[in-house]
All heavy atoms as atom14 arrays in JSON, in Angstrom:
{
  "sequence": "LVESGGGLVQAGGSLRLSCAASGRTFSSYGMGWFRQAPGKEREFVAG",
  "atom14_mask": [
    [1, 1, 1, 1, 1, 1, 1, 1, 0, 0, 0, 0, 0, 0],
    [1, 1, 1, 1, 1, 1, 1, 0, 0, 0, 0, 0, 0, 0],
    [1, 1, 1, 1, 1, 1, 1, 1, 1, 0, 0, 0, 0, 0],
    [1, 1, 1, 1, 1, 1, 0, 0, 0, 0, 0, 0, 0, 0],
    [1, 1, 1, 1, 0, 0, 0, 0, 0, 0, 0, 0, 0, 0],
    [1, 1, 1, 1, 0, 0, 0, 0, 0, 0, 0, 0, 0, 0],
    [1, 1, 1, 1, 0, 0, 0, 0, 0, 0, 0, 0, 0, 0],
    [1, 1, 1, 1, 1, 1, 1, 1, 0, 0, 0, 0, 0, 0],
    [1, 1, 1, 1, 1, 1, 1, 0, 0, 0, 0, 0, 0, 0],
    [1, 1, 1, 1, 1, 1, 1, 1, 1, 0, 0, 0, 0, 0],
    [1, 1, 1, 1, 1, 0, 0, 0, 0, 0, 0, 0, 0, 0],
    [1, 1, 1, 1, 0, 0, 0, 0, 0, 0, 0, 0, 0, 0],
    [1, 1, 1, 1, 0, 0, 0, 0, 0, 0, 0, 0, 0, 0],
    [1, 1, 1, 1, 1, 1, 0, 0, 0, 0, 0, 0, 0, 0],
    [1, 1, 1, 1, 1, 1, 1, 1, 0, 0, 0, 0, 0, 0],
    [1, 1, 1, 1, 1, 1, 1, 1, 1, 1, 1, 0, 0, 0],
    [1, 1, 1, 1, 1, 1, 1, 1, 0, 0, 0, 0, 0, 0],
    [1, 1, 1, 1, 1, 1, 0, 0, 0, 0, 0, 0, 0, 0],
    [1, 1, 1, 1, 1, 1, 0, 0, 0, 0, 0, 0, 0, 0],
    [1, 1, 1, 1, 1, 0, 0, 0, 0, 0, 0, 0, 0, 0],
    [1, 1, 1, 1, 1, 0, 0, 0, 0, 0, 0, 0, 0, 0],
    [1, 1, 1, 1, 1, 1, 0, 0, 0, 0, 0, 0, 0, 0],
    [1, 1, 1, 1, 0, 0, 0, 0, 0, 0, 0, 0, 0, 0],
    [1, 1, 1, 1, 1, 1, 1, 1, 1, 1, 1, 0, 0, 0],
    [1, 1, 1, 1, 1, 1, 1, 0, 0, 0, 0, 0, 0, 0],
    [1, 1, 1, 1, 1, 1, 1, 1, 1, 1, 1, 0, 0, 0],
    [1, 1, 1, 1, 1, 1, 0, 0, 0, 0, 0, 0, 0, 0],
    [1, 1, 1, 1, 1, 1, 0, 0, 0, 0, 0, 0, 0, 0],
    [1, 1, 1, 1, 1, 1, 1, 1, 1, 1, 1, 1, 0, 0],
    [1, 1, 1, 1, 0, 0, 0, 0, 0, 0, 0, 0, 0, 0],
    [1, 1, 1, 1, 1, 1, 1, 1, 0, 0, 0, 0, 0, 0],
    [1, 1, 1, 1, 0, 0, 0, 0, 0, 0, 0, 0, 0, 0],
    [1, 1, 1, 1, 1, 1, 1, 1, 1, 1, 1, 1, 1, 1],
    [1, 1, 1, 1, 1, 1, 1, 1, 1, 1, 1, 0, 0, 0],
    [1, 1, 1, 1, 1, 1, 1, 1, 1, 1, 1, 0, 0, 0],
    [1, 1, 1, 1, 1, 1, 1, 1, 1, 0, 0, 0, 0, 0],
    [1, 1, 1, 1, 1, 0, 0, 0, 0, 0, 0, 0, 0, 0],
    [1, 1, 1, 1, 1, 1, 1, 0, 0, 0, 0, 0, 0, 0],
    [1, 1, 1, 1, 0, 0, 0, 0, 0, 0, 0, 0, 0, 0],
    [1, 1, 1, 1, 1, 1, 1, 1, 1, 0, 0, 0, 0, 0],
    [1, 1, 1, 1, 1, 1, 1, 1, 1, 0, 0, 0, 0, 0],
    [1, 1, 1, 1, 1, 1, 1, 1, 1, 1, 1, 0, 0, 0],
    [1, 1, 1, 1, 1, 1, 1, 1, 1, 0, 0, 0, 0, 0],
    [1, 1, 1, 1, 1, 1, 1, 1, 1, 1, 1, 0, 0, 0],
    [1, 1, 1, 1, 1, 1, 1, 0, 0, 0, 0, 0, 0, 0],
    [1, 1, 1, 1, 1, 0, 0, 0, 0, 0, 0, 0, 0, 0],
    [1, 1, 1, 1, 0, 0, 0, 0, 0, 0, 0, 0, 0, 0]
  ],
  "atom14_positions": [
    [[0.86, -1.17, 0.0], [0.0, 0.0, 0.0], [0.9, 1.22, 0.0], [1.78, 1.34, 0.85], [-0.89, 0.03, 1.24], [-1.8, -1.17, 1.47], [-2.58, -1.01, 2.77], [-2.76, -1.36, 0.3], [0.0, 0.0, 0.0], [0.0, 0.0, 0.0], [0.0, 0.0, 0.0], [0.0, 0.0, 0.0], [0.0, 0.0, 0.0], [0.0, 0.0, 0.0]],
    [[0.67, 2.12, -0.95], [1.51, 3.31, -1.07], [0.63, 4.55, -1.05], [-0.22, 4.73, -1.94], [2.35, 3.27, -2.36], [3.2, 4.54, -2.46], [3.25, 2.04, -2.37], [0.0, 0.0, 0.0], [0.0, 0.0, 0.0], [0.0, 0.0, 0.0], [0.0, 0.0, 0.0], [0.0, 0.0, 0.0], [0.0, 0.0, 0.0], [0.0, 0.0, 0.0]],
    [[0.85, 5.39, -0.05], [0.08, 6.62, 0.07], [0.79, 7.76, -0.67], [2.01, 7.78, -0.79], [-0.08, 7.05, 1.54], [-0.73, 6.03, 2.42], [0.27, 5.15, 3.15], [1.42, 5.03, 2.66], [-0.09, 4.59, 4.2], [0.0, 0.0, 0.0], [0.0, 0.0, 0.0], [0.0, 0.0, 0.0], [0.0, 0.0, 0.0], [0.0, 0.0, 0.0]],
    [[-0.01, 8.71, -1.14], [0.54, 9.91, -1.76], [-0.46, 11.05, -1.57], [-1.61, 10.82, -1.19], [0.8, 9.69, -3.25], [-0.41, 9.38, -3.92], [0.0, 0.0, 0.0], [0.0, 0.0, 0.0], [0.0, 0.0, 0.0], [0.0, 0.0, 0.0], [0.0, 0.0, 0.0], [0.0, 0.0, 0.0], [0.0, 0.0, 0.0], [0.0, 0.0, 0.0]],
    [[0.02, 12.26, -1.84], [-0.87, 13.42, -1.78], [-0.73, 14.28, -0.55], [-1.37, 15.32, -0.44], [0.0, 0.0, 0.0], [0.0, 0.0, 0.0], [0.0, 0.0, 0.0], [0.0, 0.0, 0.0], [0.0, 0.0, 0.0], [0.0, 0.0, 0.0], [0.0, 0.0, 0.0], [0.0, 0.0, 0.0], [0.0, 0.0, 0.0], [0.0, 0.0, 0.0]],
    [[0.11, 13.86, 0.38], [0.31, 14.67, 1.57], [1.1, 15.92, 1.24], [1.62, 16.1, 0.14], [0.0, 0.0, 0.0], [0.0, 0.0, 0.0], [0.0, 0.0, 0.0], [0.0, 0.0, 0.0], [0.0, 0.0, 0.0], [0.0, 0.0, 0.0], [0.0, 0.0, 0.0], [0.0, 0.0, 0.0], [0.0, 0.0, 0.0], [0.0, 0.0, 0.0]],
    [[1.19, 16.82, 2.21], [1.94, 18.04, 2.0], [1.6, 19.08, 3.03], [1.0, 18.79, 4.07], [0.0, 0.0, 0.0], [0.0, 0.0, 0.0], [0.0, 0.0, 0.0], [0.0, 0.0, 0.0], [0.0, 0.0, 0.0], [0.0, 0.0, 0.0], [0.0, 0.0, 0.0], [0.0, 0.0, 0.0], [0.0, 0.0, 0.0], [0.0, 0.0, 0.0]],
    [[2.0, 20.31, 2.73], [1.77, 21.44, 3.61], [0.61, 22.27, 3.06], [0.6, 22.61, 1.87], [3.03, 22.31, 3.69], [2.95, 23.61, 4.48], [2.69, 23.32, 5.94], [4.24, 24.41, 4.3], [0.0, 0.0, 0.0], [0.0, 0.0, 0.0], [0.0, 0.0, 0.0], [0.0, 0.0, 0.0], [0.0, 0.0, 0.0], [0.0, 0.0, 0.0]],
    [[-0.35, 22.59, 3.91], [-1.51, 23.35, 3.48], [-1.91, 24.28, 4.61], [-1.7, 23.98, 5.79], [-2.67, 22.39, 3.11], [-3.13, 21.6, 4.31], [-3.82, 23.14, 2.46], [0.0, 0.0, 0.0], [0.0, 0.0, 0.0], [0.0, 0.0, 0.0], [0.0, 0.0, 0.0], [0.0, 0.0, 0.0], [0.0, 0.0, 0.0], [0.0, 0.0, 0.0]],
    [[-2.49, 25.42, 4.24], [-2.97, 26.35, 5.26], [-4.29, 25.88, 5.83], [-5.07, 25.18, 5.17], [-3.13, 27.74, 4.64], [-1.82, 28.47, 4.43], [-2.02, 29.94, 4.13], [-2.98, 30.31, 3.44], [-1.13, 30.78, 4.6], [0.0, 0.0, 0.0], [0.0, 0.0, 0.0], [0.0, 0.0, 0.0], [0.0, 0.0, 0.0], [0.0, 0.0, 0.0]],
    [[-4.55, 26.28, 7.05], [-5.82, 25.96, 7.68], [-6.97, 26.46, 6.8], [-6.91, 27.56, 6.25], [-5.89, 26.6, 9.06], [0.0, 0.0, 0.0], [0.0, 0.0, 0.0], [0.0, 0.0, 0.0], [0.0, 0.0, 0.0], [0.0, 0.0, 0.0], [0.0, 0.0, 0.0], [0.0, 0.0, 0.0], [0.0, 0.0, 0.0], [0.0, 0.0, 0.0]],
    [[-7.97, 25.6, 6.68], [-9.1, 25.92, 5.82], [-8.96, 25.37, 4.41], [-9.92, 25.36, 3.64], [0.0, 0.0, 0.0], [0.0, 0.0, 0.0], [0.0, 0.0, 0.0], [0.0, 0.0, 0.0], [0.0, 0.0, 0.0], [0.0, 0.0, 0.0], [0.0, 0.0, 0.0], [0.0, 0.0, 0.0], [0.0, 0.0, 0.0], [0.0, 0.0, 0.0]],
    [[-7.76, 24.91, 4.08], [-7.51, 24.38, 2.75], [-7.9, 22.92, 2.62], [-8.49, 22.33, 3.52], [0.0, 0.0, 0.0], [0.0, 0.0, 0.0], [0.0, 0.0, 0.0], [0.0, 0.0, 0.0], [0.0, 0.0, 0.0], [0.0, 0.0, 0.0], [0.0, 0.0, 0.0], [0.0, 0.0, 0.0], [0.0, 0.0, 0.0], [0.0, 0.0, 0.0]],
    [[-7.53, 22.36, 1.46], [-7.91, 20.98, 1.14], [-6.7, 20.19, 0.66], [-5.76, 20.76, 0.09], [-8.98, 20.96, 0.04], [-10.16, 21.61, 0.47], [0.0, 0.0, 0.0], [0.0, 0.0, 0.0], [0.0, 0.0, 0.0], [0.0, 0.0, 0.0], [0.0, 0.0, 0.0], [0.0, 0.0, 0.0], [0.0, 0.0, 0.0], [0.0, 0.0, 0.0]],
    [[-6.76, 18.9, 0.89], [-5.79, 17.96, 0.34], [-6.53, 16.69, -0.05], [-7.56, 16.35, 0.55], [-4.7, 17.61, 1.35], [-3.53, 18.57, 1.53], [-2.61, 18.07, 2.63], [-2.75, 18.76, 0.24], [0.0, 0.0, 0.0], [0.0, 0.0, 0.0], [0.0, 0.0, 0.0], [0.0, 0.0, 0.0], [0.0, 0.0, 0.0], [0.0, 0.0, 0.0]],
    [[-5.97, 15.99, -1.02], [-6.56, 14.73, -1.49], [-5.49, 13.65, -1.38], [-4.49, 13.7, -2.12], [-7.04, 14.88, -2.93], [-7.71, 13.67, -3.53], [-8.12, 14.01, -4.94], [-8.62, 12.9, -5.7], [-9.91, 12.57, -5.79], [-10.8, 13.27, -5.15], [-10.28, 11.55, -6.52], [0.0, 0.0, 0.0], [0.0, 0.0, 0.0], [0.0, 0.0, 0.0]],
    [[-5.7, 12.72, -0.48], [-4.76, 11.62, -0.31], [-5.19, 10.44, -1.16], [-6.39, 10.16, -1.29], [-4.68, 11.19, 1.15], [-4.3, 12.26, 2.18], [-4.16, 11.61, 3.56], [-3.03, 12.98, 1.79], [0.0, 0.0, 0.0], [0.0, 0.0, 0.0], [0.0, 0.0, 0.0], [0.0, 0.0, 0.0], [0.0, 0.0, 0.0], [0.0, 0.0, 0.0]],
    [[-4.21, 9.74, -1.71], [-4.47, 8.53, -2.46], [-3.69, 7.37, -1.86], [-2.61, 7.57, -1.31], [-4.04, 8.7, -3.93], [-4.81, 9.69, -4.56], [0.0, 0.0, 0.0], [0.0, 0.0, 0.0], [0.0, 0.0, 0.0], [0.0, 0.0, 0.0], [0.0, 0.0, 0.0], [0.0, 0.0, 0.0], [0.0, 0.0, 0.0], [0.0, 0.0, 0.0]],
    [[-4.25, 6.19, -2.0], [-3.57, 4.97, -1.57], [-3.7, 3.96, -2.69], [-4.82, 3.6, -3.08], [-4.2, 4.43, -0.3], [-3.57, 2.82, 0.22], [0.0, 0.0, 0.0], [0.0, 0.0, 0.0], [0.0, 0.0, 0.0], [0.0, 0.0, 0.0], [0.0, 0.0, 0.0], [0.0, 0.0, 0.0], [0.0, 0.0, 0.0], [0.0, 0.0, 0.0]],
    [[-2.56, 3.56, -3.22], [-2.55, 2.59, -4.3], [-2.14, 1.23, -3.74], [-1.07, 1.1, -3.12], [-1.58, 3.03, -5.39], [0.0, 0.0, 0.0], [0.0, 0.0, 0.0], [0.0, 0.0, 0.0], [0.0, 0.0, 0.0], [0.0, 0.0, 0.0], [0.0, 0.0, 0.0], [0.0, 0.0, 0.0], [0.0, 0.0, 0.0], [0.0, 0.0, 0.0]],
    [[-2.98, 0.25, -3.96], [-2.7, -1.1, -3.49], [-2.22, -1.96, -4.65], [-2.76, -1.89, -5.75], [-3.96, -1.7, -2.89], [0.0, 0.0, 0.0], [0.0, 0.0, 0.0], [0.0, 0.0, 0.0], [0.0, 0.0, 0.0], [0.0, 0.0, 0.0], [0.0, 0.0, 0.0], [0.0, 0.0, 0.0], [0.0, 0.0, 0.0], [0.0, 0.0, 0.0]],
    [[-1.2, -2.74, -4.39], [-0.68, -3.62, -5.44], [-0.33, -4.97, -4.84], [-0.17, -5.11, -3.64], [0.56, -3.0, -6.09], [1.59, -2.85, -5.14], [0.0, 0.0, 0.0], [0.0, 0.0, 0.0], [0.0, 0.0, 0.0], [0.0, 0.0, 0.0], [0.0, 0.0, 0.0], [0.0, 0.0, 0.0], [0.0, 0.0, 0.0], [0.0, 0.0, 0.0]],
    [[-0.21, -5.93, -5.7], [0.06, -7.29, -5.26], [-0.68, -8.21, -6.2], [-1.81, -7.92, -6.59], [0.0, 0.0, 0.0], [0.0, 0.0, 0.0], [0.0, 0.0, 0.0], [0.0, 0.0, 0.0], [0.0, 0.0, 0.0], [0.0, 0.0, 0.0], [0.0, 0.0, 0.0], [0.0, 0.0, 0.0], [0.0, 0.0, 0.0], [0.0, 0.0, 0.0]],
    [[-0.09, -9.28, -6.52], [-0.63, -10.14, -7.56], [-2.05, -10.58, -7.27], [-2.88, -10.68, -8.16], [0.28, -11.36, -7.74], [-0.08, -12.21, -8.94], [0.93, -13.31, -9.14], [0.99, -14.18, -7.99], [1.82, -15.22, -7.91], [2.65, -15.47, -8.9], [1.83, -16.0, -6.85], [0.0, 0.0, 0.0], [0.0, 0.0, 0.0], [0.0, 0.0, 0.0]],
    [[-2.35, -10.84, -6.01], [-3.67, -11.35, -5.68], [-4.42, -10.44, -4.73], [-5.27, -10.88, -3.96], [-3.56, -12.75, -5.04], [-2.76, -12.64, -3.85], [-2.95, -13.74, -5.99], [0.0, 0.0, 0.0], [0.0, 0.0, 0.0], [0.0, 0.0, 0.0], [0.0, 0.0, 0.0], [0.0, 0.0, 0.0], [0.0, 0.0, 0.0], [0.0, 0.0, 0.0]],
    [[-4.12, -9.12, -4.82], [-4.73, -8.22, -3.86], [-6.23, -8.14, -4.03], [-6.76, -7.92, -5.1], [-4.16, -6.8, -3.97], [-4.81, -5.84, -3.02], [-4.46, -5.83, -1.68], [-5.8, -4.97, -3.44], [-5.06, -4.97, -0.79], [-6.41, -4.09, -2.57], [-6.04, -4.1, -1.23], [0.0, 0.0, 0.0], [0.0, 0.0, 0.0], [0.0, 0.0, 0.0]],
    [[-6.91, -8.33, -2.91], [-8.35, -8.18, -2.84], [-8.69, -7.88, -1.39], [-8.24, -8.59, -0.5], [-9.06, -9.46, -3.3], [-10.46, -9.31, -3.17], [0.0, 0.0, 0.0], [0.0, 0.0, 0.0], [0.0, 0.0, 0.0], [0.0, 0.0, 0.0], [0.0, 0.0, 0.0], [0.0, 0.0, 0.0], [0.0, 0.0, 0.0], [0.0, 0.0, 0.0]],
    [[-9.44, -6.84, -1.15], [-9.74, -6.46, 0.22], [-11.23, -6.41, 0.46], [-12.02, -6.22, -0.47], [-9.1, -5.11, 0.56], [-9.74, -4.08, -0.17], [0.0, 0.0, 0.0], [0.0, 0.0, 0.0], [0.0, 0.0, 0.0], [0.0, 0.0, 0.0], [0.0, 0.0, 0.0], [0.0, 0.0, 0.0], [0.0, 0.0, 0.0], [0.0, 0.0, 0.0]],
    [[-11.62, -6.59, 1.69], [-13.02, -6.45, 2.09], [-13.33, -5.02, 2.51], [-14.48, -4.6, 2.48], [-13.33, -7.41, 3.23], [-13.22, -8.85, 2.81], [-12.12, -9.61, 3.18], [-14.2, -9.45, 2.03], [-12.0, -10.94, 2.78], [-14.09, -10.77, 1.63], [-12.99, -11.51, 2.0], [-12.87, -12.81, 1.6], [0.0, 0.0, 0.0], [0.0, 0.0, 0.0]],
    [[-12.31, -4.32, 2.9], [-12.49, -2.94, 3.3], [-11.14, -2.26, 3.44], [-10.09, -2.93, 3.48], [0.0, 0.0, 0.0], [0.0, 0.0, 0.0], [0.0, 0.0, 0.0], [0.0, 0.0, 0.0], [0.0, 0.0, 0.0], [0.0, 0.0, 0.0], [0.0, 0.0, 0.0], [0.0, 0.0, 0.0], [0.0, 0.0, 0.0], [0.0, 0.0, 0.0]],
    [[-11.16, -0.96, 3.47], [-9.94, -0.19, 3.64], [-10.21, 0.99, 4.55], [-11.36, 1.39, 4.75], [-9.38, 0.27, 2.29], [-8.95, -0.87, 1.4], [-8.18, -0.34, -0.15], [-6.58, 0.19, 0.45], [0.0, 0.0, 0.0], [0.0, 0.0, 0.0], [0.0, 0.0, 0.0], [0.0, 0.0, 0.0], [0.0, 0.0, 0.0], [0.0, 0.0, 0.0]],
    [[-9.15, 1.53, 5.07], [-9.33, 2.65, 5.99], [-8.14, 3.58, 6.01], [-7.08, 3.27, 5.46], [0.0, 0.0, 0.0], [0.0, 0.0, 0.0], [0.0, 0.0, 0.0], [0.0, 0.0, 0.0], [0.0, 0.0, 0.0], [0.0, 0.0, 0.0], [0.0, 0.0, 0.0], [0.0, 0.0, 0.0], [0.0, 0.0, 0.0], [0.0, 0.0, 0.0]],
    [[-8.34, 4.71, 6.62], [-7.3, 5.7, 6.86], [-7.16, 5.92, 8.37], [-8.18, 6.06, 9.08], [-7.65, 7.03, 6.2], [-7.58, 7.03, 4.73], [-8.61, 6.85, 3.85], [-6.4, 7.22, 3.93], [-8.15, 6.92, 2.56], [-6.8, 7.15, 2.58], [-5.05, 7.47, 4.21], [-5.9, 7.3, 1.52], [-4.16, 7.62, 3.15], [-4.59, 7.53, 1.83]],
    [[-5.95, 5.93, 8.82], [-5.61, 6.25, 10.2], [-4.6, 7.4, 10.17], [-4.0, 7.68, 9.13], [-4.99, 5.04, 10.89], [-5.97, 3.95, 11.22], [-6.52, 3.16, 10.22], [-6.35, 3.7, 12.54], [-7.43, 2.15, 10.51], [-7.25, 2.7, 12.85], [-7.79, 1.92, 11.83], [0.0, 0.0, 0.0], [0.0, 0.0, 0.0], [0.0, 0.0, 0.0]],
    [[-4.39, 8.02, 11.31], [-3.37, 9.07, 11.38], [-2.69, 9.03, 12.74], [-3.27, 8.57, 13.73], [-3.97, 10.45, 11.13], [-4.95, 10.94, 12.2], [-5.61, 12.24, 11.77], [-6.52, 12.75, 12.78], [-7.3, 13.8, 12.6], [-7.31, 14.46, 11.44], [-8.1, 14.2, 13.59], [0.0, 0.0, 0.0], [0.0, 0.0, 0.0], [0.0, 0.0, 0.0]],
    [[-1.48, 9.55, 12.75], [-0.71, 9.59, 13.99], [0.02, 10.92, 14.09], [0.88, 11.22, 13.24], [0.28, 8.43, 14.06], [0.97, 8.3, 15.39], [1.67, 6.97, 15.55], [1.91, 6.25, 14.59], [1.98, 6.61, 16.78], [0.0, 0.0, 0.0], [0.0, 0.0, 0.0], [0.0, 0.0, 0.0], [0.0, 0.0, 0.0], [0.0, 0.0, 0.0]],
    [[-0.33, 11.68, 15.1], [0.33, 12.95, 15.35], [1.5, 12.72, 16.3], [1.53, 11.72, 17.03], [-0.66, 13.94, 15.96], [0.0, 0.0, 0.0], [0.0, 0.0, 0.0], [0.0, 0.0, 0.0], [0.0, 0.0, 0.0], [0.0, 0.0, 0.0], [0.0, 0.0, 0.0], [0.0, 0.0, 0.0], [0.0, 0.0, 0.0], [0.0, 0.0, 0.0]],
    [[2.49, 13.61, 16.31], [3.65, 13.43, 17.18], [3.23, 13.27, 18.64], [2.43, 14.05, 19.16], [4.43, 14.73, 16.97], [4.05, 15.19, 15.62], [2.61, 14.81, 15.46], [0.0, 0.0, 0.0], [0.0, 0.0, 0.0], [0.0, 0.0, 0.0], [0.0, 0.0, 0.0], [0.0, 0.0, 0.0], [0.0, 0.0, 0.0], [0.0, 0.0, 0.0]],
    [[3.75, 12.24, 19.27], [3.48, 12.01, 20.67], [2.12, 11.41, 20.97], [1.75, 11.26, 22.14], [0.0, 0.0, 0.0], [0.0, 0.0, 0.0], [0.0, 0.0, 0.0], [0.0, 0.0, 0.0], [0.0, 0.0, 0.0], [0.0, 0.0, 0.0], [0.0, 0.0, 0.0], [0.0, 0.0, 0.0], [0.0, 0.0, 0.0], [0.0, 0.0, 0.0]],
    [[1.38, 11.07, 19.92], [0.04, 10.51, 20.13], [-0.06, 9.13, 19.5], [0.74, 8.75, 18.65], [-1.02, 11.44, 19.54], [-1.12, 12.79, 20.23], [-2.31, 13.57, 19.72], [-2.47, 14.88, 20.46], [-3.66, 15.64, 19.98], [0.0, 0.0, 0.0], [0.0, 0.0, 0.0], [0.0, 0.0, 0.0], [0.0, 0.0, 0.0], [0.0, 0.0, 0.0]],
    [[-1.08, 8.4, 19.91], [-1.32, 7.08, 19.34], [-1.97, 7.22, 17.96], [-2.61, 8.22, 17.65], [-2.22, 6.26, 20.26], [-1.58, 5.9, 21.58], [-2.45, 4.97, 22.41], [-3.61, 4.74, 22.02], [-1.97, 4.49, 23.44], [0.0, 0.0, 0.0], [0.0, 0.0, 0.0], [0.0, 0.0, 0.0], [0.0, 0.0, 0.0], [0.0, 0.0, 0.0]],
    [[-1.78, 6.18, 17.16], [-2.43, 6.16, 15.87], [-3.95, 6.05, 16.08], [-4.42, 5.26, 16.89], [-1.92, 4.98, 15.06], [-2.28, 5.05, 13.58], [-1.58, 3.96, 12.78], [-0.12, 4.1, 12.83], [0.72, 3.4, 12.08], [0.24, 2.51, 11.21], [2.01, 3.57, 12.19], [0.0, 0.0, 0.0], [0.0, 0.0, 0.0], [0.0, 0.0, 0.0]],
    [[-4.69, 6.86, 15.32], [-6.14, 6.89, 15.5], [-6.86, 6.7, 14.18], [-6.36, 7.07, 13.11], [-6.58, 8.21, 16.14], [-6.32, 9.44, 15.29], [-6.87, 10.71, 15.92], [-7.41, 10.66, 17.04], [-6.77, 11.77, 15.27], [0.0, 0.0, 0.0], [0.0, 0.0, 0.0], [0.0, 0.0, 0.0], [0.0, 0.0, 0.0], [0.0, 0.0, 0.0]],
    [[-8.05, 6.16, 14.29], [-8.91, 5.94, 13.12], [-9.4, 7.27, 12.58], [-9.77, 8.16, 13.34], [-10.08, 5.06, 13.53], [-11.15, 4.91, 12.48], [-10.97, 4.03, 11.43], [-12.31, 5.64, 12.55], [-11.95, 3.88, 10.46], [-13.3, 5.5, 11.59], [-13.11, 4.62, 10.55], [0.0, 0.0, 0.0], [0.0, 0.0, 0.0], [0.0, 0.0, 0.0]],
    [[-9.43, 7.38, 11.25], [-9.95, 8.57, 10.59], [-11.22, 8.25, 9.81], [-12.26, 8.87, 10.0], [-8.9, 9.19, 9.65], [-9.49, 10.36, 8.86], [-7.66, 9.61, 10.41], [0.0, 0.0, 0.0], [0.0, 0.0, 0.0], [0.0, 0.0, 0.0], [0.0, 0.0, 0.0], [0.0, 0.0, 0.0], [0.0, 0.0, 0.0], [0.0, 0.0, 0.0]],
    [[-11.12, 7.27, 8.93], [-12.25, 6.93, 8.08], [-12.06, 5.52, 7.53], [-10.93, 5.07, 7.36], [-12.39, 7.91, 6.92], [0.0, 0.0, 0.0], [0.0, 0.0, 0.0], [0.0, 0.0, 0.0], [0.0, 0.0, 0.0], [0.0, 0.0, 0.0], [0.0, 0.0, 0.0], [0.0, 0.0, 0.0], [0.0, 0.0, 0.0], [0.0, 0.0, 0.0]],
    [[-13.17, 4.85, 7.25], [-13.09, 3.51, 6.7], [-14.25, 3.24, 5.77], [-15.29, 3.9, 5.83], [0.0, 0.0, 0.0], [0.0, 0.0, 0.0], [0.0, 0.0, 0.0], [0.0, 0.0, 0.0], [0.0, 0.0, 0.0], [0.0, 0.0, 0.0], [0.0, 0.0, 0.0], [0.0, 0.0, 0.0], [0.0, 0.0, 0.0], [0.0, 0.0, 0.0]]
  ]
}
């Protein structure tokens, strides 16, 4: 799984993240996004 689209943006702005999945037999039942801020645990964002 390879994420892209991150960067620096001003508050109020927008970003579009992409995740490309590869593998000869890749098939998933679901996918999700998590995030981890400095000093914090990884948390669920969306699925």
